[in-house]
């Protein structure tokens, strides 16, 4: 673990070894498995489209997004509905793949 980049953080001018939590492992495994299932082109289109959708809310931070979550959710849903059918299908398929990856990781955790 000492050579694992993600087991360290910088606090002030010192490196501090941190403990990797179960939640961190879960998210790491979920994202890693998802990346293996989705092509680079799909990922690029997915991320670009998600950012375009989020930009319609005109928020600059996650705090702004969550503080007016209802208004922002309506904007996001409207924007999603106005996407062309092929893009909506790609977003749904790619997001479903991510959810399936998370579900599979939960099942693995529960078996152990």
N, C-alpha and C. Protein backbone atom coordinates (compact mmCIF):
# COMPACT_ATOMS: atom_id res chain seq x y z
N UNK A 1 0.81 -1.21 0.00
CA UNK A 1 0.00 0.00 0.00
C UNK A 1 0.85 1.27 0.00
N UNK A 2 2.10 1.18 0.44
CA UNK A 2 2.86 2.42 0.55
C UNK A 2 3.13 3.06 -0.80
N UNK A 3 3.09 2.30 -1.90
CA UNK A 3 3.32 2.87 -3.22
C UNK A 3 2.02 3.17 -3.96
N UNK A 4 0.91 2.96 -3.31
CA UNK A 4 -0.39 3.25 -3.90
C UNK A 4 -0.67 4.74 -3.79
N UNK A 5 -0.72 5.41 -4.93
CA UNK A 5 -0.94 6.86 -4.98
C UNK A 5 -2.16 7.29 -4.18
N UNK A 6 -3.22 6.47 -4.19
CA UNK A 6 -4.47 6.87 -3.57
C UNK A 6 -4.51 6.62 -2.05
N UNK A 7 -3.43 6.08 -1.50
CA UNK A 7 -3.41 5.88 -0.06
C UNK A 7 -2.67 7.00 0.66
N UNK A 8 -2.39 8.10 -0.05
CA UNK A 8 -1.70 9.24 0.52
C UNK A 8 -2.46 10.51 0.22
N UNK A 9 -2.32 11.50 1.09
CA UNK A 9 -2.84 12.83 0.81
C UNK A 9 -1.84 13.85 1.36
N UNK A 10 -1.92 15.05 0.83
CA UNK A 10 -1.04 16.11 1.28
C UNK A 10 -1.80 17.00 2.24
N UNK A 11 -1.24 17.17 3.44
CA UNK A 11 -1.81 18.08 4.44
C UNK A 11 -0.69 19.05 4.80
N UNK A 12 -0.90 20.31 4.43
CA UNK A 12 0.16 21.30 4.61
C UNK A 12 1.33 20.96 3.72
N UNK A 13 2.50 20.76 4.33
CA UNK A 13 3.69 20.42 3.54
C UNK A 13 4.14 18.98 3.79
N UNK A 14 3.20 18.13 4.25
CA UNK A 14 3.55 16.75 4.58
C UNK A 14 2.64 15.76 3.85
N UNK A 15 3.19 14.59 3.52
CA UNK A 15 2.41 13.49 3.01
C UNK A 15 1.89 12.68 4.19
N UNK A 16 0.61 12.35 4.17
CA UNK A 16 0.00 11.59 5.25
C UNK A 16 -0.65 10.35 4.64
N UNK A 17 -0.32 9.19 5.19
CA UNK A 17 -0.92 7.94 4.72
C UNK A 17 -2.36 7.87 5.22
N UNK A 18 -3.26 7.55 4.31
CA UNK A 18 -4.67 7.46 4.68
C UNK A 18 -5.15 6.04 4.52
N UNK A 19 -6.26 5.75 5.16
CA UNK A 19 -6.87 4.43 5.04
C UNK A 19 -7.90 4.48 3.91
N UNK A 20 -7.86 3.49 3.05
CA UNK A 20 -8.85 3.40 1.97
C UNK A 20 -10.10 2.75 2.56
N UNK A 21 -11.21 3.45 2.45
CA UNK A 21 -12.45 2.96 3.05
C UNK A 21 -13.15 1.96 2.13
N UNK A 22 -14.11 1.23 2.69
CA UNK A 22 -14.93 0.32 1.89
C UNK A 22 -15.69 1.08 0.82
N UNK A 23 -16.17 2.27 1.16
CA UNK A 23 -16.89 3.08 0.17
C UNK A 23 -15.97 3.46 -0.98
N UNK A 24 -14.73 3.83 -0.67
CA UNK A 24 -13.77 4.17 -1.72
C UNK A 24 -13.51 2.98 -2.64
N UNK A 25 -13.33 1.82 -2.04
CA UNK A 25 -13.14 0.60 -2.84
C UNK A 25 -14.36 0.32 -3.71
N UNK A 26 -15.54 0.50 -3.15
CA UNK A 26 -16.77 0.27 -3.91
C UNK A 26 -16.82 1.18 -5.13
N UNK A 27 -16.60 2.48 -4.92
CA UNK A 27 -16.66 3.42 -6.04
C UNK A 27 -15.55 3.16 -7.05
N UNK A 28 -14.36 2.83 -6.57
CA UNK A 28 -13.25 2.53 -7.47
C UNK A 28 -13.58 1.31 -8.34
N UNK A 29 -14.07 0.25 -7.72
CA UNK A 29 -14.42 -0.96 -8.48
C UNK A 29 -15.57 -0.70 -9.45
N UNK A 30 -16.55 0.05 -9.01
CA UNK A 30 -17.70 0.36 -9.87
C UNK A 30 -17.26 1.13 -11.10
N UNK A 31 -16.50 2.18 -10.89
CA UNK A 31 -16.04 3.00 -12.02
C UNK A 31 -15.10 2.22 -12.92
N UNK A 32 -14.18 1.46 -12.33
CA UNK A 32 -13.24 0.66 -13.13
C UNK A 32 -13.99 -0.33 -14.02
N UNK A 33 -14.95 -1.05 -13.45
CA UNK A 33 -15.72 -2.02 -14.23
C UNK A 33 -16.55 -1.34 -15.31
N UNK A 34 -17.12 -0.18 -14.97
CA UNK A 34 -17.90 0.57 -15.95
C UNK A 34 -17.02 1.01 -17.12
N UNK A 35 -15.82 1.49 -16.81
CA UNK A 35 -14.90 1.93 -17.86
C UNK A 35 -14.52 0.78 -18.80
N UNK A 36 -14.46 -0.44 -18.27
CA UNK A 36 -14.14 -1.60 -19.10
C UNK A 36 -15.29 -1.97 -20.04
N UNK A 37 -16.52 -1.62 -19.66
CA UNK A 37 -17.70 -1.99 -20.45
C UNK A 37 -18.10 -0.95 -21.49
N UNK A 38 -17.62 0.28 -21.34
CA UNK A 38 -18.06 1.37 -22.21
C UNK A 38 -16.87 1.85 -23.04
N UNK A 39 -17.07 2.01 -24.33
CA UNK A 39 -15.98 2.44 -25.21
C UNK A 39 -15.56 3.87 -24.88
N UNK A 40 -14.35 4.22 -25.29
CA UNK A 40 -13.84 5.57 -25.07
C UNK A 40 -14.76 6.60 -25.72
N UNK A 41 -15.23 6.32 -26.92
CA UNK A 41 -16.11 7.25 -27.63
C UNK A 41 -17.42 7.43 -26.88
N UNK A 42 -17.97 6.33 -26.37
CA UNK A 42 -19.22 6.40 -25.58
C UNK A 42 -19.01 7.24 -24.34
N UNK A 43 -17.90 7.02 -23.65
CA UNK A 43 -17.61 7.78 -22.43
C UNK A 43 -17.49 9.26 -22.74
N UNK A 44 -16.77 9.58 -23.81
CA UNK A 44 -16.61 10.99 -24.18
C UNK A 44 -17.96 11.64 -24.47
N UNK A 45 -18.78 10.96 -25.26
CA UNK A 45 -20.09 11.52 -25.60
C UNK A 45 -20.96 11.64 -24.35
N UNK A 46 -20.93 10.63 -23.50
CA UNK A 46 -21.71 10.62 -22.26
C UNK A 46 -21.31 11.81 -21.38
N UNK A 47 -20.01 11.96 -21.11
CA UNK A 47 -19.54 13.02 -20.24
C UNK A 47 -19.82 14.39 -20.85
N UNK A 48 -19.56 14.54 -22.14
CA UNK A 48 -19.84 15.82 -22.81
C UNK A 48 -21.32 16.19 -22.69
N UNK A 49 -22.19 15.21 -22.90
CA UNK A 49 -23.63 15.47 -22.84
C UNK A 49 -24.07 15.79 -21.42
N UNK A 50 -23.55 15.07 -20.44
CA UNK A 50 -23.89 15.35 -19.05
C UNK A 50 -23.47 16.78 -18.69
N UNK A 51 -22.29 17.19 -19.11
CA UNK A 51 -21.84 18.56 -18.83
C UNK A 51 -22.71 19.59 -19.54
N UNK A 52 -23.11 19.30 -20.78
CA UNK A 52 -24.02 20.22 -21.48
C UNK A 52 -25.34 20.36 -20.72
N UNK A 53 -25.86 19.23 -20.25
CA UNK A 53 -27.11 19.26 -19.48
C UNK A 53 -26.94 20.07 -18.20
N UNK A 54 -25.86 19.81 -17.46
CA UNK A 54 -25.61 20.53 -16.22
C UNK A 54 -25.40 22.02 -16.46
N UNK A 55 -24.78 22.37 -17.57
CA UNK A 55 -24.54 23.78 -17.88
C UNK A 55 -25.84 24.56 -18.07
N UNK A 56 -26.92 23.89 -18.44
CA UNK A 56 -28.19 24.59 -18.62
C UNK A 56 -28.74 25.12 -17.29
N UNK A 57 -28.23 24.62 -16.17
CA UNK A 57 -28.69 25.10 -14.86
C UNK A 57 -28.00 26.40 -14.47
N UNK A 58 -26.91 26.74 -15.15
CA UNK A 58 -26.12 27.95 -14.87
C UNK A 58 -25.50 27.96 -13.47
N UNK A 59 -25.33 26.80 -12.86
CA UNK A 59 -24.66 26.75 -11.56
C UNK A 59 -23.16 26.62 -11.76
N UNK A 60 -22.42 27.03 -10.76
CA UNK A 60 -20.95 26.97 -10.84
C UNK A 60 -20.36 25.95 -9.88
N UNK A 61 -21.13 25.55 -8.86
CA UNK A 61 -20.61 24.62 -7.86
C UNK A 61 -21.66 23.55 -7.56
N UNK A 62 -21.20 22.48 -6.94
CA UNK A 62 -22.11 21.41 -6.51
C UNK A 62 -23.07 21.95 -5.45
N UNK A 63 -22.56 22.83 -4.59
CA UNK A 63 -23.43 23.43 -3.57
C UNK A 63 -24.59 24.20 -4.21
N UNK A 64 -24.30 24.95 -5.27
CA UNK A 64 -25.37 25.67 -5.97
C UNK A 64 -26.37 24.70 -6.60
N UNK A 65 -25.84 23.61 -7.14
CA UNK A 65 -26.70 22.61 -7.77
C UNK A 65 -27.65 22.01 -6.74
N UNK A 66 -27.12 21.68 -5.56
CA UNK A 66 -27.95 21.03 -4.54
C UNK A 66 -28.82 22.01 -3.77
N UNK A 67 -28.39 23.28 -3.64
CA UNK A 67 -29.19 24.22 -2.85
C UNK A 67 -30.51 24.57 -3.53
N UNK A 68 -30.53 24.51 -4.84
CA UNK A 68 -31.76 24.74 -5.60
C UNK A 68 -32.08 23.49 -6.40
N UNK A 69 -32.06 22.35 -5.70
CA UNK A 69 -32.16 21.07 -6.37
C UNK A 69 -33.44 20.90 -7.17
N UNK A 70 -34.57 21.39 -6.66
CA UNK A 70 -35.84 21.20 -7.36
C UNK A 70 -35.85 21.95 -8.69
N UNK A 71 -35.48 23.22 -8.64
CA UNK A 71 -35.41 24.04 -9.86
C UNK A 71 -34.42 23.44 -10.85
N UNK A 72 -33.26 23.03 -10.36
CA UNK A 72 -32.23 22.46 -11.23
C UNK A 72 -32.66 21.11 -11.80
N UNK A 73 -33.36 20.31 -11.00
CA UNK A 73 -33.85 19.02 -11.50
C UNK A 73 -34.83 19.22 -12.65
N UNK A 74 -35.70 20.20 -12.53
CA UNK A 74 -36.66 20.48 -13.60
C UNK A 74 -35.92 20.90 -14.87
N UNK A 75 -34.93 21.77 -14.73
CA UNK A 75 -34.12 22.21 -15.87
C UNK A 75 -33.42 21.02 -16.52
N UNK A 76 -32.83 20.16 -15.70
CA UNK A 76 -32.10 18.99 -16.21
C UNK A 76 -33.06 18.05 -16.95
N UNK A 77 -34.22 17.80 -16.38
CA UNK A 77 -35.20 16.91 -17.02
C UNK A 77 -35.68 17.48 -18.35
N UNK A 78 -35.97 18.78 -18.38
CA UNK A 78 -36.41 19.42 -19.62
C UNK A 78 -35.32 19.32 -20.69
N UNK A 79 -34.10 19.57 -20.29
CA UNK A 79 -32.98 19.50 -21.24
C UNK A 79 -32.82 18.08 -21.77
N UNK A 80 -32.90 17.11 -20.88
CA UNK A 80 -32.80 15.70 -21.29
C UNK A 80 -33.90 15.35 -22.29
N UNK A 81 -35.12 15.77 -22.01
CA UNK A 81 -36.24 15.47 -22.90
C UNK A 81 -36.08 16.11 -24.28
N UNK A 82 -35.33 17.23 -24.34
CA UNK A 82 -35.13 17.92 -25.61
C UNK A 82 -33.93 17.40 -26.41
N UNK A 83 -33.19 16.44 -25.85
CA UNK A 83 -32.08 15.84 -26.60
C UNK A 83 -32.65 15.02 -27.75
N UNK A 84 -31.83 14.82 -28.78
CA UNK A 84 -32.32 13.98 -29.87
C UNK A 84 -32.43 12.54 -29.36
N UNK A 85 -33.31 11.74 -29.97
CA UNK A 85 -33.57 10.39 -29.47
C UNK A 85 -32.32 9.51 -29.36
N UNK A 86 -31.38 9.63 -30.29
CA UNK A 86 -30.17 8.80 -30.24
C UNK A 86 -29.32 9.15 -29.02
N UNK A 87 -29.23 10.44 -28.70
CA UNK A 87 -28.44 10.87 -27.55
C UNK A 87 -29.11 10.44 -26.25
N UNK A 88 -30.43 10.57 -26.17
CA UNK A 88 -31.16 10.10 -24.98
C UNK A 88 -30.93 8.60 -24.77
N UNK A 89 -31.00 7.85 -25.86
CA UNK A 89 -30.80 6.40 -25.78
C UNK A 89 -29.39 6.09 -25.27
N UNK A 90 -28.38 6.82 -25.79
CA UNK A 90 -27.00 6.61 -25.37
C UNK A 90 -26.83 6.95 -23.89
N UNK A 91 -27.41 8.07 -23.45
CA UNK A 91 -27.31 8.46 -22.04
C UNK A 91 -27.93 7.38 -21.15
N UNK A 92 -29.12 6.93 -21.51
CA UNK A 92 -29.82 5.91 -20.72
C UNK A 92 -29.02 4.62 -20.68
N UNK A 93 -28.52 4.18 -21.82
CA UNK A 93 -27.75 2.92 -21.90
C UNK A 93 -26.46 3.01 -21.08
N UNK A 94 -25.75 4.12 -21.21
CA UNK A 94 -24.48 4.28 -20.50
C UNK A 94 -24.70 4.39 -19.00
N UNK A 95 -25.73 5.12 -18.59
CA UNK A 95 -26.05 5.25 -17.17
C UNK A 95 -26.50 3.90 -16.60
N UNK A 96 -27.27 3.14 -17.37
CA UNK A 96 -27.72 1.81 -16.95
C UNK A 96 -26.52 0.89 -16.73
N UNK A 97 -25.53 0.99 -17.61
CA UNK A 97 -24.31 0.20 -17.46
C UNK A 97 -23.59 0.56 -16.16
N UNK A 98 -23.55 1.84 -15.83
CA UNK A 98 -22.94 2.28 -14.57
C UNK A 98 -23.71 1.72 -13.37
N UNK A 99 -25.03 1.79 -13.41
CA UNK A 99 -25.84 1.25 -12.32
C UNK A 99 -25.65 -0.26 -12.17
N UNK A 100 -25.57 -0.96 -13.30
CA UNK A 100 -25.37 -2.42 -13.26
C UNK A 100 -24.01 -2.75 -12.64
N UNK A 101 -22.99 -1.95 -12.96
CA UNK A 101 -21.67 -2.15 -12.38
C UNK A 101 -21.73 -1.99 -10.86
N UNK A 102 -22.43 -0.96 -10.40
CA UNK A 102 -22.59 -0.75 -8.96
C UNK A 102 -23.36 -1.88 -8.29
N UNK A 103 -24.42 -2.33 -8.94
CA UNK A 103 -25.22 -3.43 -8.41
C UNK A 103 -24.39 -4.70 -8.29
N UNK A 104 -23.60 -4.99 -9.31
CA UNK A 104 -22.74 -6.18 -9.27
C UNK A 104 -21.73 -6.08 -8.14
N UNK A 105 -21.19 -4.90 -7.90
CA UNK A 105 -20.24 -4.73 -6.79
C UNK A 105 -20.92 -4.92 -5.45
N UNK A 106 -22.14 -4.44 -5.30
CA UNK A 106 -22.87 -4.65 -4.05
C UNK A 106 -23.08 -6.15 -3.81
N UNK A 107 -23.44 -6.87 -4.87
CA UNK A 107 -23.63 -8.33 -4.74
C UNK A 107 -22.34 -9.02 -4.32
N UNK A 108 -21.22 -8.61 -4.89
CA UNK A 108 -19.91 -9.19 -4.51
C UNK A 108 -19.61 -8.92 -3.04
N UNK A 109 -19.87 -7.69 -2.61
CA UNK A 109 -19.63 -7.33 -1.21
C UNK A 109 -20.49 -8.16 -0.28
N UNK A 110 -21.76 -8.36 -0.64
CA UNK A 110 -22.67 -9.11 0.22
C UNK A 110 -22.33 -10.59 0.26
N UNK A 111 -21.67 -11.12 -0.77
CA UNK A 111 -21.26 -12.54 -0.77
C UNK A 111 -20.06 -12.75 0.12
N UNK A 112 -19.25 -11.72 0.30
CA UNK A 112 -18.01 -11.88 1.10
C UNK A 112 -18.23 -11.69 2.55
